[in-house]
Amino acid sequence: MPDEYISYKYIESLALNIYLFLVFLSIQIWFLWKDIDKKELRSLISASFIRKNCVYVFSFGIFFIINGFSEGATPLESQIFSLLAPVCLVFLTYEWYRKLRTIAHKKILPAELTDSHFFR
């Protein structure tokens, strides 16, 4: 029993970190979205990008369904299946972040941050 409790705690802390990373990536995508020229979005969509997104969404759905039907499994197996679903979402959001970062226009820093006389 104590071994299952320890592994349960590790998996729960790992799941929390995965969810926090998912929120971080989502916020980064939201910030990038402002700097993207909407006309360049067509260059973002390719067959391989759509295929990867479909695989991630399909995997998320499969792991989510397996987690729902894993009542007869051990608690550790159930926790692992509940951990794999958000991992698929992290892969999906990272793929979007990586693609959007390449087409986002970089903003120039304000003069207050680049001028050394401002800090004297």
N, C-alpha and C. Protein backbone atom coordinates (compact mmCIF):
# COMPACT_ATOMS: atom_id res chain seq x y z
N MET A 1 0.82 -1.21 0.00
CA MET A 1 0.00 0.00 0.00
C MET A 1 0.86 1.27 0.00
N PRO A 2 1.92 1.38 0.79
CA PRO A 2 2.71 2.61 0.76
C PRO A 2 3.38 2.86 -0.59
N ASP A 3 3.79 1.77 -1.30
CA ASP A 3 4.41 1.95 -2.61
C ASP A 3 3.42 2.53 -3.60
N GLU A 4 2.17 2.08 -3.55
CA GLU A 4 1.15 2.62 -4.45
C GLU A 4 0.87 4.08 -4.13
N TYR A 5 0.90 4.43 -2.85
CA TYR A 5 0.66 5.80 -2.44
C TYR A 5 1.77 6.72 -2.93
N ILE A 6 3.02 6.25 -2.84
CA ILE A 6 4.16 7.05 -3.28
C ILE A 6 4.11 7.24 -4.80
N SER A 7 3.85 6.17 -5.54
CA SER A 7 3.78 6.29 -7.00
C SER A 7 2.60 7.17 -7.41
N TYR A 8 1.50 7.10 -6.65
CA TYR A 8 0.34 7.95 -6.92
C TYR A 8 0.70 9.41 -6.74
N LYS A 9 1.46 9.73 -5.71
CA LYS A 9 1.87 11.11 -5.46
C LYS A 9 2.80 11.62 -6.55
N TYR A 10 3.72 10.77 -7.01
CA TYR A 10 4.62 11.18 -8.09
C TYR A 10 3.84 11.45 -9.38
N ILE A 11 2.90 10.60 -9.68
CA ILE A 11 2.11 10.78 -10.90
C ILE A 11 1.24 12.02 -10.79
N GLU A 12 0.67 12.27 -9.62
CA GLU A 12 -0.15 13.47 -9.44
C GLU A 12 0.69 14.74 -9.58
N SER A 13 1.90 14.74 -9.04
CA SER A 13 2.75 15.93 -9.17
C SER A 13 3.21 16.10 -10.61
N LEU A 14 3.47 15.00 -11.31
CA LEU A 14 3.83 15.08 -12.72
C LEU A 14 2.65 15.61 -13.55
N ALA A 15 1.44 15.15 -13.23
CA ALA A 15 0.25 15.64 -13.93
C ALA A 15 0.06 17.14 -13.71
N LEU A 16 0.29 17.61 -12.50
CA LEU A 16 0.18 19.04 -12.21
C LEU A 16 1.18 19.83 -13.04
N ASN A 17 2.41 19.33 -13.13
CA ASN A 17 3.42 20.02 -13.94
C ASN A 17 3.05 20.02 -15.41
N ILE A 18 2.48 18.94 -15.89
CA ILE A 18 2.05 18.89 -17.30
C ILE A 18 0.95 19.90 -17.55
N TYR A 19 -0.01 20.00 -16.64
CA TYR A 19 -1.09 20.98 -16.81
C TYR A 19 -0.56 22.41 -16.76
N LEU A 20 0.40 22.67 -15.88
CA LEU A 20 0.98 24.01 -15.81
C LEU A 20 1.73 24.35 -17.10
N PHE A 21 2.44 23.38 -17.66
CA PHE A 21 3.14 23.59 -18.91
C PHE A 21 2.15 23.81 -20.05
N LEU A 22 1.03 23.12 -20.01
CA LEU A 22 -0.02 23.31 -21.00
C LEU A 22 -0.60 24.73 -20.93
N VAL A 23 -0.81 25.22 -19.74
CA VAL A 23 -1.31 26.59 -19.56
C VAL A 23 -0.26 27.60 -20.05
N PHE A 24 1.01 27.35 -19.72
CA PHE A 24 2.08 28.23 -20.17
C PHE A 24 2.14 28.31 -21.69
N LEU A 25 2.11 27.16 -22.36
CA LEU A 25 2.14 27.16 -23.82
C LEU A 25 0.92 27.85 -24.41
N SER A 26 -0.24 27.65 -23.80
CA SER A 26 -1.46 28.29 -24.30
C SER A 26 -1.37 29.81 -24.18
N ILE A 27 -0.81 30.29 -23.10
CA ILE A 27 -0.64 31.74 -22.92
C ILE A 27 0.36 32.28 -23.94
N GLN A 28 1.43 31.53 -24.19
CA GLN A 28 2.41 31.96 -25.18
C GLN A 28 1.79 32.03 -26.59
N ILE A 29 0.95 31.07 -26.91
CA ILE A 29 0.26 31.09 -28.20
C ILE A 29 -0.66 32.30 -28.28
N TRP A 30 -1.32 32.60 -27.18
CA TRP A 30 -2.22 33.74 -27.15
C TRP A 30 -1.45 35.05 -27.38
N PHE A 31 -0.27 35.17 -26.76
CA PHE A 31 0.56 36.36 -26.98
C PHE A 31 1.09 36.43 -28.41
N LEU A 32 1.46 35.29 -28.97
CA LEU A 32 1.96 35.26 -30.34
C LEU A 32 0.88 35.61 -31.36
N TRP A 33 -0.33 35.28 -31.04
CA TRP A 33 -1.43 35.46 -31.99
C TRP A 33 -1.60 36.93 -32.38
N LYS A 34 -1.27 37.85 -31.48
CA LYS A 34 -1.40 39.28 -31.77
C LYS A 34 -0.40 39.74 -32.82
N ASP A 35 0.77 39.11 -32.86
CA ASP A 35 1.84 39.54 -33.74
C ASP A 35 1.87 38.82 -35.08
N ILE A 36 0.84 38.05 -35.37
CA ILE A 36 0.83 37.27 -36.60
C ILE A 36 0.02 37.98 -37.66
N ASP A 37 0.59 38.05 -38.84
CA ASP A 37 -0.15 38.57 -39.99
C ASP A 37 -1.11 37.47 -40.43
N LYS A 38 -2.38 37.77 -40.38
CA LYS A 38 -3.40 36.76 -40.65
C LYS A 38 -3.35 36.24 -42.09
N LYS A 39 -2.72 37.00 -42.98
CA LYS A 39 -2.59 36.54 -44.36
C LYS A 39 -1.56 35.42 -44.48
N GLU A 40 -0.65 35.34 -43.53
CA GLU A 40 0.39 34.32 -43.57
C GLU A 40 -0.06 32.99 -42.96
N LEU A 41 -1.27 32.94 -42.46
CA LEU A 41 -1.75 31.70 -41.84
C LEU A 41 -1.88 30.57 -42.86
N ARG A 42 -2.09 30.91 -44.11
CA ARG A 42 -2.20 29.86 -45.13
C ARG A 42 -0.89 29.09 -45.27
N SER A 43 0.23 29.77 -45.04
CA SER A 43 1.52 29.08 -45.11
C SER A 43 1.71 28.12 -43.93
N LEU A 44 0.94 28.34 -42.88
CA LEU A 44 1.03 27.48 -41.70
C LEU A 44 0.44 26.11 -41.95
N ILE A 45 -0.62 26.08 -42.72
CA ILE A 45 -1.35 24.83 -42.90
C ILE A 45 -0.69 24.01 -44.00
N SER A 46 -0.21 22.84 -43.60
CA SER A 46 0.34 21.89 -44.56
C SER A 46 -0.24 20.52 -44.23
N ALA A 47 -0.04 19.58 -45.10
CA ALA A 47 -0.60 18.24 -44.89
C ALA A 47 0.01 17.57 -43.67
N SER A 48 1.31 17.73 -43.48
CA SER A 48 1.96 17.08 -42.33
C SER A 48 1.52 17.71 -41.01
N PHE A 49 1.32 19.03 -41.02
CA PHE A 49 0.87 19.73 -39.80
C PHE A 49 -0.53 19.27 -39.41
N ILE A 50 -1.42 19.16 -40.40
CA ILE A 50 -2.78 18.71 -40.12
C ILE A 50 -2.78 17.25 -39.67
N ARG A 51 -1.94 16.44 -40.29
CA ARG A 51 -1.86 15.03 -39.91
C ARG A 51 -1.38 14.88 -38.46
N LYS A 52 -0.36 15.65 -38.08
CA LYS A 52 0.13 15.59 -36.70
C LYS A 52 -0.96 16.02 -35.71
N ASN A 53 -1.68 17.09 -36.05
CA ASN A 53 -2.75 17.56 -35.18
C ASN A 53 -3.84 16.51 -35.02
N CYS A 54 -4.18 15.84 -36.11
CA CYS A 54 -5.20 14.79 -36.05
C CYS A 54 -4.74 13.62 -35.19
N VAL A 55 -3.48 13.26 -35.29
CA VAL A 55 -2.94 12.17 -34.47
C VAL A 55 -2.98 12.55 -33.00
N TYR A 56 -2.61 13.78 -32.68
CA TYR A 56 -2.62 14.21 -31.27
C TYR A 56 -4.04 14.24 -30.71
N VAL A 57 -4.98 14.75 -31.48
CA VAL A 57 -6.37 14.82 -31.01
C VAL A 57 -6.96 13.42 -30.89
N PHE A 58 -6.67 12.55 -31.85
CA PHE A 58 -7.16 11.17 -31.79
C PHE A 58 -6.56 10.44 -30.59
N SER A 59 -5.27 10.63 -30.34
CA SER A 59 -4.62 9.99 -29.19
C SER A 59 -5.21 10.50 -27.88
N PHE A 60 -5.46 11.81 -27.82
CA PHE A 60 -6.09 12.36 -26.62
C PHE A 60 -7.44 11.71 -26.36
N GLY A 61 -8.24 11.58 -27.43
CA GLY A 61 -9.55 10.96 -27.28
C GLY A 61 -9.47 9.51 -26.85
N ILE A 62 -8.54 8.77 -27.43
CA ILE A 62 -8.38 7.36 -27.06
C ILE A 62 -7.95 7.23 -25.60
N PHE A 63 -6.96 8.01 -25.18
CA PHE A 63 -6.52 7.92 -23.78
C PHE A 63 -7.60 8.39 -22.81
N PHE A 64 -8.38 9.37 -23.22
CA PHE A 64 -9.47 9.86 -22.37
C PHE A 64 -10.54 8.78 -22.22
N ILE A 65 -10.87 8.09 -23.31
CA ILE A 65 -11.87 7.02 -23.26
C ILE A 65 -11.35 5.83 -22.45
N ILE A 66 -10.09 5.46 -22.67
CA ILE A 66 -9.50 4.35 -21.91
C ILE A 66 -9.50 4.67 -20.42
N ASN A 67 -9.21 5.92 -20.10
CA ASN A 67 -9.23 6.32 -18.68
C ASN A 67 -10.63 6.18 -18.10
N GLY A 68 -11.64 6.47 -18.88
CA GLY A 68 -13.01 6.34 -18.40
C GLY A 68 -13.43 4.90 -18.18
N PHE A 69 -12.90 3.99 -18.99
CA PHE A 69 -13.25 2.58 -18.87
C PHE A 69 -12.26 1.77 -18.04
N SER A 70 -11.31 2.40 -17.40
CA SER A 70 -10.28 1.67 -16.66
C SER A 70 -10.65 1.45 -15.20
N GLU A 71 -11.90 1.12 -14.94
CA GLU A 71 -12.33 0.90 -13.56
C GLU A 71 -11.75 -0.39 -12.98
N GLY A 72 -11.56 -1.41 -13.83
CA GLY A 72 -11.03 -2.67 -13.34
C GLY A 72 -9.52 -2.69 -13.24
N ALA A 73 -8.86 -1.67 -13.75
CA ALA A 73 -7.40 -1.62 -13.73
C ALA A 73 -6.90 -1.21 -12.35
N THR A 74 -5.63 -1.42 -12.14
CA THR A 74 -5.02 -1.00 -10.88
C THR A 74 -5.01 0.52 -10.83
N PRO A 75 -4.91 1.09 -9.64
CA PRO A 75 -4.89 2.55 -9.55
C PRO A 75 -3.71 3.18 -10.30
N LEU A 76 -2.58 2.46 -10.32
CA LEU A 76 -1.43 3.00 -11.03
C LEU A 76 -1.68 3.05 -12.54
N GLU A 77 -2.27 2.00 -13.10
CA GLU A 77 -2.59 2.00 -14.52
C GLU A 77 -3.61 3.08 -14.86
N SER A 78 -4.58 3.26 -13.99
CA SER A 78 -5.59 4.30 -14.21
C SER A 78 -4.95 5.68 -14.21
N GLN A 79 -4.01 5.90 -13.30
CA GLN A 79 -3.33 7.19 -13.23
C GLN A 79 -2.46 7.43 -14.45
N ILE A 80 -1.84 6.38 -14.95
CA ILE A 80 -1.00 6.53 -16.14
C ILE A 80 -1.85 6.91 -17.35
N PHE A 81 -3.01 6.29 -17.50
CA PHE A 81 -3.88 6.65 -18.61
C PHE A 81 -4.43 8.06 -18.46
N SER A 82 -4.67 8.49 -17.23
CA SER A 82 -5.13 9.86 -17.03
C SER A 82 -4.00 10.86 -17.27
N LEU A 83 -2.76 10.40 -17.21
CA LEU A 83 -1.61 11.25 -17.46
C LEU A 83 -1.31 11.38 -18.95
N LEU A 84 -1.61 10.36 -19.72
CA LEU A 84 -1.28 10.36 -21.15
C LEU A 84 -2.18 11.31 -21.95
N ALA A 85 -3.40 11.53 -21.51
CA ALA A 85 -4.30 12.44 -22.23
C ALA A 85 -3.77 13.88 -22.25
N PRO A 86 -3.39 14.47 -21.11
CA PRO A 86 -2.85 15.84 -21.19
C PRO A 86 -1.49 15.91 -21.88
N VAL A 87 -0.74 14.81 -21.89
CA VAL A 87 0.53 14.81 -22.62
C VAL A 87 0.27 15.02 -24.11
N CYS A 88 -0.78 14.40 -24.63
CA CYS A 88 -1.14 14.60 -26.03
C CYS A 88 -1.52 16.06 -26.28
N LEU A 89 -2.21 16.68 -25.34
CA LEU A 89 -2.57 18.09 -25.49
C LEU A 89 -1.33 18.99 -25.46
N VAL A 90 -0.35 18.63 -24.64
CA VAL A 90 0.89 19.41 -24.60
C VAL A 90 1.61 19.31 -25.93
N PHE A 91 1.66 18.12 -26.51
CA PHE A 91 2.29 17.97 -27.82
C PHE A 91 1.56 18.80 -28.88
N LEU A 92 0.24 18.81 -28.82
CA LEU A 92 -0.55 19.59 -29.77
C LEU A 92 -0.27 21.09 -29.64
N THR A 93 -0.30 21.60 -28.40
CA THR A 93 -0.07 23.03 -28.21
C THR A 93 1.37 23.40 -28.53
N TYR A 94 2.32 22.51 -28.26
CA TYR A 94 3.71 22.82 -28.60
C TYR A 94 3.89 22.88 -30.12
N GLU A 95 3.21 22.00 -30.83
CA GLU A 95 3.29 22.04 -32.30
C GLU A 95 2.74 23.36 -32.84
N TRP A 96 1.62 23.82 -32.27
CA TRP A 96 1.06 25.10 -32.68
C TRP A 96 1.99 26.25 -32.31
N TYR A 97 2.56 26.21 -31.12
CA TYR A 97 3.47 27.27 -30.68
C TYR A 97 4.69 27.33 -31.59
N ARG A 98 5.24 26.19 -31.93
CA ARG A 98 6.43 26.15 -32.79
C ARG A 98 6.12 26.72 -34.18
N LYS A 99 4.96 26.39 -34.72
CA LYS A 99 4.58 26.91 -36.04
C LYS A 99 4.28 28.40 -35.99
N LEU A 100 3.54 28.84 -34.98
CA LEU A 100 3.18 30.26 -34.90
C LEU A 100 4.39 31.13 -34.62
N ARG A 101 5.35 30.62 -33.89
CA ARG A 101 6.55 31.40 -33.57
C ARG A 101 7.35 31.71 -34.83
N THR A 102 7.30 30.82 -35.82
CA THR A 102 8.07 31.07 -37.05
C THR A 102 7.46 32.17 -37.91
N ILE A 103 6.15 32.38 -37.82
CA ILE A 103 5.53 33.41 -38.66
C ILE A 103 5.17 34.68 -37.90
N ALA A 104 5.45 34.72 -36.61
CA ALA A 104 5.16 35.92 -35.82
C ALA A 104 6.20 36.99 -36.11
N HIS A 105 5.76 38.22 -36.24
CA HIS A 105 6.66 39.33 -36.48
C HIS A 105 7.18 39.83 -35.15
N LYS A 106 8.47 39.98 -35.08
CA LYS A 106 9.10 40.44 -33.84
C LYS A 106 8.90 41.94 -33.69
N LYS A 107 8.50 42.34 -32.51
CA LYS A 107 8.34 43.76 -32.24
C LYS A 107 9.66 44.33 -31.75
N ILE A 108 9.91 45.57 -32.10
CA ILE A 108 11.12 46.26 -31.65
C ILE A 108 10.89 46.73 -30.22
N LEU A 109 11.93 46.62 -29.41
CA LEU A 109 11.83 47.06 -28.02
C LEU A 109 11.62 48.57 -27.96
N PRO A 110 10.89 49.03 -26.95
CA PRO A 110 10.70 50.47 -26.80
C PRO A 110 12.02 51.18 -26.53
N ALA A 111 12.07 52.46 -26.85
CA ALA A 111 13.30 53.24 -26.68
C ALA A 111 13.70 53.31 -25.21
N GLU A 112 12.76 53.26 -24.30
CA GLU A 112 13.09 53.32 -22.89
C GLU A 112 13.93 52.12 -22.45
N LEU A 113 13.75 50.99 -23.10
CA LEU A 113 14.51 49.80 -22.72
C LEU A 113 15.86 49.73 -23.42
N THR A 114 15.99 50.37 -24.56
CA THR A 114 17.24 50.30 -25.30
C THR A 114 18.15 51.49 -25.06
N ASP A 115 17.62 52.60 -24.54
CA ASP A 115 18.41 53.80 -24.31
C ASP A 115 19.08 53.70 -22.95
N SER A 116 20.40 53.79 -22.92
CA SER A 116 21.13 53.67 -21.65
C SER A 116 21.00 54.94 -20.80
N HIS A 117 20.65 56.07 -21.40
CA HIS A 117 20.52 57.32 -20.64
C HIS A 117 19.27 57.32 -19.77
N PHE A 118 18.34 56.48 -20.09
CA PHE A 118 17.09 56.40 -19.33
C PHE A 118 17.34 55.90 -17.91
N PHE A 119 18.34 55.05 -17.73
CA PHE A 119 18.57 54.42 -16.42
C PHE A 119 19.54 55.20 -15.55
N ARG A 120 20.04 56.33 -15.99
CA ARG A 120 20.98 57.12 -15.18
C ARG A 120 20.28 58.04 -14.26
